[in-house]
Amino acid sequence: VPLHPRRLRMRGYSPPLVLAHTAARALNVRLCRNGLSRVRDTPEQAGLKDGERRDNLRGAFATRKQWTALRVLLVDDVTTTGATMAACATVLARARPKAVFGLALLRTCA
């Protein structure tokens, strides 16, 4: 799950990318760092209800890559309602992968 470039500059690193790198190495699979991008800078999800989270992420992600016949593992650091994973998976599904899987390190209570 990519961060918006502004948020990446603020944090200095991307927690999901660190996790994705570790997962790719452990699974012995290729890591695609730029296959999905956050094209809209969205407000923080914290404090938003499920429907508000989905609305907040509408149009936030894009891909220019074709994922045909590939299995994609989408990695995030934390998931609460699954809205971010769902928004990313929806965009990825348009690129026609064989499958999209989601993996989060932590799950919080909504």
N, C-alpha and C. Protein backbone atom coordinates (compact mmCIF):
# COMPACT_ATOMS: atom_id res chain seq x y z
N VAL A 1 0.86 -1.18 0.00
CA VAL A 1 0.00 0.00 0.00
C VAL A 1 0.90 1.23 0.00
N PRO A 2 0.88 1.98 -1.07
CA PRO A 2 1.79 3.12 -1.17
C PRO A 2 1.31 4.33 -0.36
N LEU A 3 2.29 5.09 0.11
CA LEU A 3 2.01 6.37 0.74
C LEU A 3 2.00 7.44 -0.35
N HIS A 4 1.30 8.53 -0.10
CA HIS A 4 1.38 9.68 -1.00
C HIS A 4 2.79 10.26 -0.85
N PRO A 5 3.38 10.80 -1.92
CA PRO A 5 4.73 11.35 -1.83
C PRO A 5 4.91 12.37 -0.69
N ARG A 6 3.92 13.18 -0.41
CA ARG A 6 4.02 14.16 0.67
C ARG A 6 4.17 13.45 2.02
N ARG A 7 3.35 12.44 2.25
CA ARG A 7 3.42 11.70 3.51
C ARG A 7 4.73 10.92 3.62
N LEU A 8 5.20 10.41 2.50
CA LEU A 8 6.48 9.70 2.50
C LEU A 8 7.61 10.66 2.89
N ARG A 9 7.60 11.88 2.38
CA ARG A 9 8.62 12.87 2.76
C ARG A 9 8.53 13.19 4.25
N MET A 10 7.29 13.29 4.78
CA MET A 10 7.12 13.59 6.20
C MET A 10 7.68 12.47 7.08
N ARG A 11 7.36 11.24 6.74
CA ARG A 11 7.77 10.09 7.56
C ARG A 11 9.23 9.71 7.33
N GLY A 12 9.68 9.88 6.12
CA GLY A 12 11.05 9.49 5.79
C GLY A 12 11.18 8.05 5.33
N TYR A 13 10.15 7.27 5.49
CA TYR A 13 10.15 5.88 5.03
C TYR A 13 8.70 5.40 4.95
N SER A 14 8.51 4.27 4.30
CA SER A 14 7.19 3.69 4.13
C SER A 14 7.09 2.38 4.91
N PRO A 15 6.35 2.36 6.03
CA PRO A 15 6.21 1.10 6.76
C PRO A 15 5.71 -0.07 5.90
N PRO A 16 4.69 0.14 5.05
CA PRO A 16 4.25 -0.99 4.21
C PRO A 16 5.35 -1.49 3.26
N LEU A 17 6.18 -0.58 2.76
CA LEU A 17 7.26 -1.01 1.85
C LEU A 17 8.31 -1.81 2.60
N VAL A 18 8.62 -1.42 3.82
CA VAL A 18 9.56 -2.20 4.63
C VAL A 18 9.03 -3.62 4.83
N LEU A 19 7.74 -3.72 5.16
CA LEU A 19 7.13 -5.04 5.35
C LEU A 19 7.09 -5.83 4.04
N ALA A 20 6.76 -5.16 2.95
CA ALA A 20 6.69 -5.84 1.65
C ALA A 20 8.06 -6.37 1.25
N HIS A 21 9.10 -5.59 1.50
CA HIS A 21 10.46 -6.04 1.19
C HIS A 21 10.79 -7.31 1.98
N THR A 22 10.46 -7.31 3.26
CA THR A 22 10.71 -8.47 4.12
C THR A 22 9.91 -9.68 3.65
N ALA A 23 8.63 -9.46 3.33
CA ALA A 23 7.77 -10.56 2.86
C ALA A 23 8.28 -11.13 1.54
N ALA A 24 8.67 -10.26 0.62
CA ALA A 24 9.17 -10.72 -0.68
C ALA A 24 10.41 -11.57 -0.52
N ARG A 25 11.30 -11.13 0.36
CA ARG A 25 12.53 -11.89 0.60
C ARG A 25 12.20 -13.25 1.22
N ALA A 26 11.31 -13.26 2.21
CA ALA A 26 10.95 -14.51 2.89
C ALA A 26 10.24 -15.48 1.96
N LEU A 27 9.43 -14.96 1.05
CA LEU A 27 8.67 -15.80 0.13
C LEU A 27 9.42 -16.09 -1.16
N ASN A 28 10.58 -15.44 -1.32
CA ASN A 28 11.38 -15.58 -2.53
C ASN A 28 10.59 -15.20 -3.78
N VAL A 29 9.95 -14.04 -3.71
CA VAL A 29 9.20 -13.51 -4.85
C VAL A 29 9.69 -12.10 -5.17
N ARG A 30 9.36 -11.64 -6.34
CA ARG A 30 9.78 -10.32 -6.81
C ARG A 30 8.94 -9.22 -6.15
N LEU A 31 9.59 -8.15 -5.73
CA LEU A 31 8.92 -7.00 -5.15
C LEU A 31 8.76 -5.93 -6.23
N CYS A 32 7.55 -5.49 -6.44
CA CYS A 32 7.28 -4.42 -7.40
C CYS A 32 6.98 -3.16 -6.60
N ARG A 33 7.95 -2.26 -6.52
CA ARG A 33 7.83 -1.06 -5.68
C ARG A 33 6.89 -0.01 -6.25
N ASN A 34 6.72 0.04 -7.54
CA ASN A 34 5.93 1.12 -8.13
C ASN A 34 4.75 0.61 -8.96
N GLY A 35 4.26 -0.54 -8.65
CA GLY A 35 3.14 -1.10 -9.40
C GLY A 35 1.81 -0.46 -9.06
N LEU A 36 1.75 0.15 -7.89
CA LEU A 36 0.55 0.83 -7.42
C LEU A 36 1.00 2.16 -6.85
N SER A 37 0.27 3.23 -7.13
CA SER A 37 0.65 4.53 -6.58
C SER A 37 -0.56 5.21 -5.95
N ARG A 38 -0.26 6.07 -4.98
CA ARG A 38 -1.31 6.88 -4.34
C ARG A 38 -1.28 8.22 -5.07
N VAL A 39 -2.31 8.48 -5.84
CA VAL A 39 -2.34 9.66 -6.69
C VAL A 39 -3.09 10.83 -6.07
N ARG A 40 -3.73 10.57 -4.96
CA ARG A 40 -4.45 11.64 -4.25
C ARG A 40 -4.04 11.61 -2.79
N ASP A 41 -3.66 12.76 -2.28
CA ASP A 41 -3.26 12.88 -0.88
C ASP A 41 -4.52 12.91 -0.03
N THR A 42 -4.75 11.86 0.72
CA THR A 42 -5.98 11.73 1.50
C THR A 42 -5.72 12.08 2.96
N PRO A 43 -6.73 12.61 3.64
CA PRO A 43 -6.59 12.84 5.08
C PRO A 43 -6.40 11.51 5.81
N GLU A 44 -5.89 11.58 7.03
CA GLU A 44 -5.70 10.38 7.86
C GLU A 44 -7.03 9.64 8.00
N GLN A 45 -6.96 8.32 8.06
CA GLN A 45 -8.15 7.49 8.22
C GLN A 45 -8.61 7.43 9.68
N ALA A 46 -7.68 7.65 10.61
CA ALA A 46 -8.00 7.56 12.04
C ALA A 46 -9.18 8.47 12.38
N GLY A 47 -10.12 7.93 13.10
CA GLY A 47 -11.28 8.70 13.52
C GLY A 47 -12.45 8.65 12.56
N LEU A 48 -12.24 8.08 11.36
CA LEU A 48 -13.32 7.98 10.38
C LEU A 48 -14.05 6.67 10.55
N LYS A 49 -15.35 6.69 10.29
CA LYS A 49 -16.15 5.46 10.30
C LYS A 49 -15.94 4.72 8.98
N ASP A 50 -16.42 3.48 8.92
CA ASP A 50 -16.19 2.61 7.76
C ASP A 50 -16.56 3.28 6.43
N GLY A 51 -17.76 3.80 6.33
CA GLY A 51 -18.20 4.43 5.08
C GLY A 51 -17.39 5.67 4.75
N GLU A 52 -17.01 6.43 5.76
CA GLU A 52 -16.19 7.62 5.55
C GLU A 52 -14.80 7.24 5.06
N ARG A 53 -14.29 6.12 5.55
CA ARG A 53 -12.98 5.64 5.11
C ARG A 53 -13.02 5.27 3.63
N ARG A 54 -14.07 4.58 3.21
CA ARG A 54 -14.20 4.21 1.79
C ARG A 54 -14.29 5.46 0.92
N ASP A 55 -15.10 6.43 1.35
CA ASP A 55 -15.24 7.68 0.59
C ASP A 55 -13.92 8.43 0.52
N ASN A 56 -13.18 8.44 1.62
CA ASN A 56 -11.91 9.14 1.71
C ASN A 56 -10.89 8.57 0.71
N LEU A 57 -10.99 7.29 0.40
CA LEU A 57 -10.02 6.63 -0.47
C LEU A 57 -10.45 6.54 -1.93
N ARG A 58 -11.66 6.98 -2.23
CA ARG A 58 -12.15 6.90 -3.61
C ARG A 58 -11.23 7.70 -4.54
N GLY A 59 -10.69 7.04 -5.54
CA GLY A 59 -9.81 7.70 -6.51
C GLY A 59 -8.40 7.97 -6.00
N ALA A 60 -8.03 7.38 -4.86
CA ALA A 60 -6.72 7.67 -4.27
C ALA A 60 -5.59 6.83 -4.86
N PHE A 61 -5.91 5.71 -5.51
CA PHE A 61 -4.87 4.80 -6.00
C PHE A 61 -4.99 4.59 -7.50
N ALA A 62 -3.86 4.28 -8.12
CA ALA A 62 -3.84 4.01 -9.56
C ALA A 62 -2.70 3.04 -9.87
N THR A 63 -2.84 2.35 -10.99
CA THR A 63 -1.77 1.50 -11.49
C THR A 63 -1.67 1.68 -13.00
N ARG A 64 -0.45 1.64 -13.51
CA ARG A 64 -0.25 1.69 -14.95
C ARG A 64 0.28 0.36 -15.45
N LYS A 65 0.46 -0.55 -14.55
CA LYS A 65 1.03 -1.86 -14.88
C LYS A 65 -0.09 -2.86 -15.18
N GLN A 66 0.14 -3.74 -16.12
CA GLN A 66 -0.77 -4.86 -16.36
C GLN A 66 -0.29 -6.04 -15.53
N TRP A 67 -1.18 -6.60 -14.76
CA TRP A 67 -0.85 -7.68 -13.85
C TRP A 67 -1.35 -9.02 -14.36
N THR A 68 -1.66 -9.11 -15.63
CA THR A 68 -2.24 -10.32 -16.22
C THR A 68 -1.42 -11.55 -15.86
N ALA A 69 -2.12 -12.57 -15.38
CA ALA A 69 -1.56 -13.88 -15.03
C ALA A 69 -0.63 -13.86 -13.82
N LEU A 70 -0.56 -12.74 -13.11
CA LEU A 70 0.28 -12.67 -11.91
C LEU A 70 -0.57 -12.75 -10.65
N ARG A 71 0.01 -13.27 -9.61
CA ARG A 71 -0.60 -13.23 -8.28
C ARG A 71 0.02 -12.05 -7.55
N VAL A 72 -0.82 -11.20 -7.00
CA VAL A 72 -0.35 -9.98 -6.35
C VAL A 72 -0.60 -10.08 -4.84
N LEU A 73 0.44 -9.80 -4.06
CA LEU A 73 0.30 -9.73 -2.61
C LEU A 73 0.41 -8.27 -2.22
N LEU A 74 -0.67 -7.73 -1.72
CA LEU A 74 -0.76 -6.34 -1.30
C LEU A 74 -0.44 -6.29 0.19
N VAL A 75 0.55 -5.50 0.59
CA VAL A 75 1.02 -5.48 1.97
C VAL A 75 0.76 -4.11 2.60
N ASP A 76 0.22 -4.13 3.82
CA ASP A 76 0.01 -2.90 4.59
C ASP A 76 0.47 -3.14 6.01
N ASP A 77 0.76 -2.08 6.72
CA ASP A 77 1.22 -2.25 8.09
C ASP A 77 0.06 -2.48 9.05
N VAL A 78 -1.03 -1.72 8.91
CA VAL A 78 -2.16 -1.82 9.82
C VAL A 78 -3.46 -1.80 9.02
N THR A 79 -4.41 -2.62 9.42
CA THR A 79 -5.74 -2.56 8.83
C THR A 79 -6.76 -2.45 9.96
N THR A 80 -7.79 -1.66 9.72
CA THR A 80 -8.86 -1.49 10.71
C THR A 80 -10.16 -2.03 10.13
N THR A 81 -10.66 -1.36 9.10
CA THR A 81 -11.91 -1.80 8.48
C THR A 81 -11.68 -2.55 7.17
N GLY A 82 -10.47 -2.47 6.64
CA GLY A 82 -10.16 -3.09 5.35
C GLY A 82 -10.42 -2.16 4.17
N ALA A 83 -10.79 -0.91 4.44
CA ALA A 83 -11.12 0.04 3.37
C ALA A 83 -9.93 0.31 2.45
N THR A 84 -8.75 0.45 3.02
CA THR A 84 -7.56 0.72 2.20
C THR A 84 -7.22 -0.48 1.33
N MET A 85 -7.22 -1.66 1.91
CA MET A 85 -6.96 -2.88 1.13
C MET A 85 -7.99 -3.03 0.02
N ALA A 86 -9.24 -2.77 0.33
CA ALA A 86 -10.30 -2.90 -0.67
C ALA A 86 -10.12 -1.90 -1.81
N ALA A 87 -9.77 -0.66 -1.47
CA ALA A 87 -9.56 0.36 -2.51
C ALA A 87 -8.40 -0.02 -3.41
N CYS A 88 -7.31 -0.51 -2.82
CA CYS A 88 -6.15 -0.94 -3.61
C CYS A 88 -6.49 -2.16 -4.46
N ALA A 89 -7.17 -3.13 -3.87
CA ALA A 89 -7.52 -4.36 -4.59
C ALA A 89 -8.44 -4.07 -5.76
N THR A 90 -9.34 -3.12 -5.60
CA THR A 90 -10.25 -2.74 -6.69
C THR A 90 -9.47 -2.19 -7.88
N VAL A 91 -8.51 -1.32 -7.61
CA VAL A 91 -7.67 -0.76 -8.68
C VAL A 91 -6.83 -1.86 -9.33
N LEU A 92 -6.23 -2.70 -8.50
CA LEU A 92 -5.41 -3.79 -9.04
C LEU A 92 -6.24 -4.76 -9.88
N ALA A 93 -7.46 -5.04 -9.46
CA ALA A 93 -8.32 -5.98 -10.19
C ALA A 93 -8.59 -5.52 -11.62
N ARG A 94 -8.62 -4.22 -11.83
CA ARG A 94 -8.83 -3.69 -13.19
C ARG A 94 -7.65 -4.01 -14.11
N ALA A 95 -6.49 -4.31 -13.52
CA ALA A 95 -5.30 -4.65 -14.30
C ALA A 95 -5.23 -6.16 -14.57
N ARG A 96 -6.27 -6.88 -14.20
CA ARG A 96 -6.49 -8.28 -14.54
C ARG A 96 -5.44 -9.27 -14.03
N PRO A 97 -5.10 -9.20 -12.73
CA PRO A 97 -4.19 -10.22 -12.19
C PRO A 97 -4.90 -11.56 -12.05
N LYS A 98 -4.13 -12.58 -11.86
CA LYS A 98 -4.71 -13.90 -11.61
C LYS A 98 -5.40 -13.91 -10.26
N ALA A 99 -4.79 -13.24 -9.26
CA ALA A 99 -5.37 -13.14 -7.92
C ALA A 99 -4.73 -11.97 -7.18
N VAL A 100 -5.46 -11.42 -6.23
CA VAL A 100 -4.94 -10.38 -5.34
C VAL A 100 -5.16 -10.86 -3.91
N PHE A 101 -4.08 -10.88 -3.14
CA PHE A 101 -4.13 -11.26 -1.74
C PHE A 101 -3.73 -10.06 -0.90
N GLY A 102 -4.23 -9.97 0.31
CA GLY A 102 -3.87 -8.89 1.21
C GLY A 102 -3.20 -9.43 2.46
N LEU A 103 -2.19 -8.71 2.94
CA LEU A 103 -1.47 -9.08 4.14
C LEU A 103 -1.22 -7.82 4.95
N ALA A 104 -1.65 -7.83 6.21
CA ALA A 104 -1.38 -6.71 7.12
C ALA A 104 -0.69 -7.24 8.35
N LEU A 105 0.25 -6.47 8.86
CA LEU A 105 0.98 -6.88 10.06
C LEU A 105 0.07 -6.84 11.28
N LEU A 106 -0.73 -5.78 11.40
CA LEU A 106 -1.60 -5.60 12.55
C LEU A 106 -3.03 -5.34 12.13
N ARG A 107 -3.95 -5.75 12.98
CA ARG A 107 -5.36 -5.42 12.78
C ARG A 107 -5.83 -4.75 14.05
N THR A 108 -6.44 -3.58 13.88
CA THR A 108 -6.96 -2.85 15.04
C THR A 108 -8.46 -3.07 15.15
N CYS A 109 -9.02 -2.75 16.27
CA CYS A 109 -10.47 -2.83 16.47
C CYS A 109 -11.08 -1.53 15.95
N ALA A 110 -12.11 -1.66 15.13
CA ALA A 110 -12.77 -0.48 14.56
C ALA A 110 -13.59 0.24 15.60
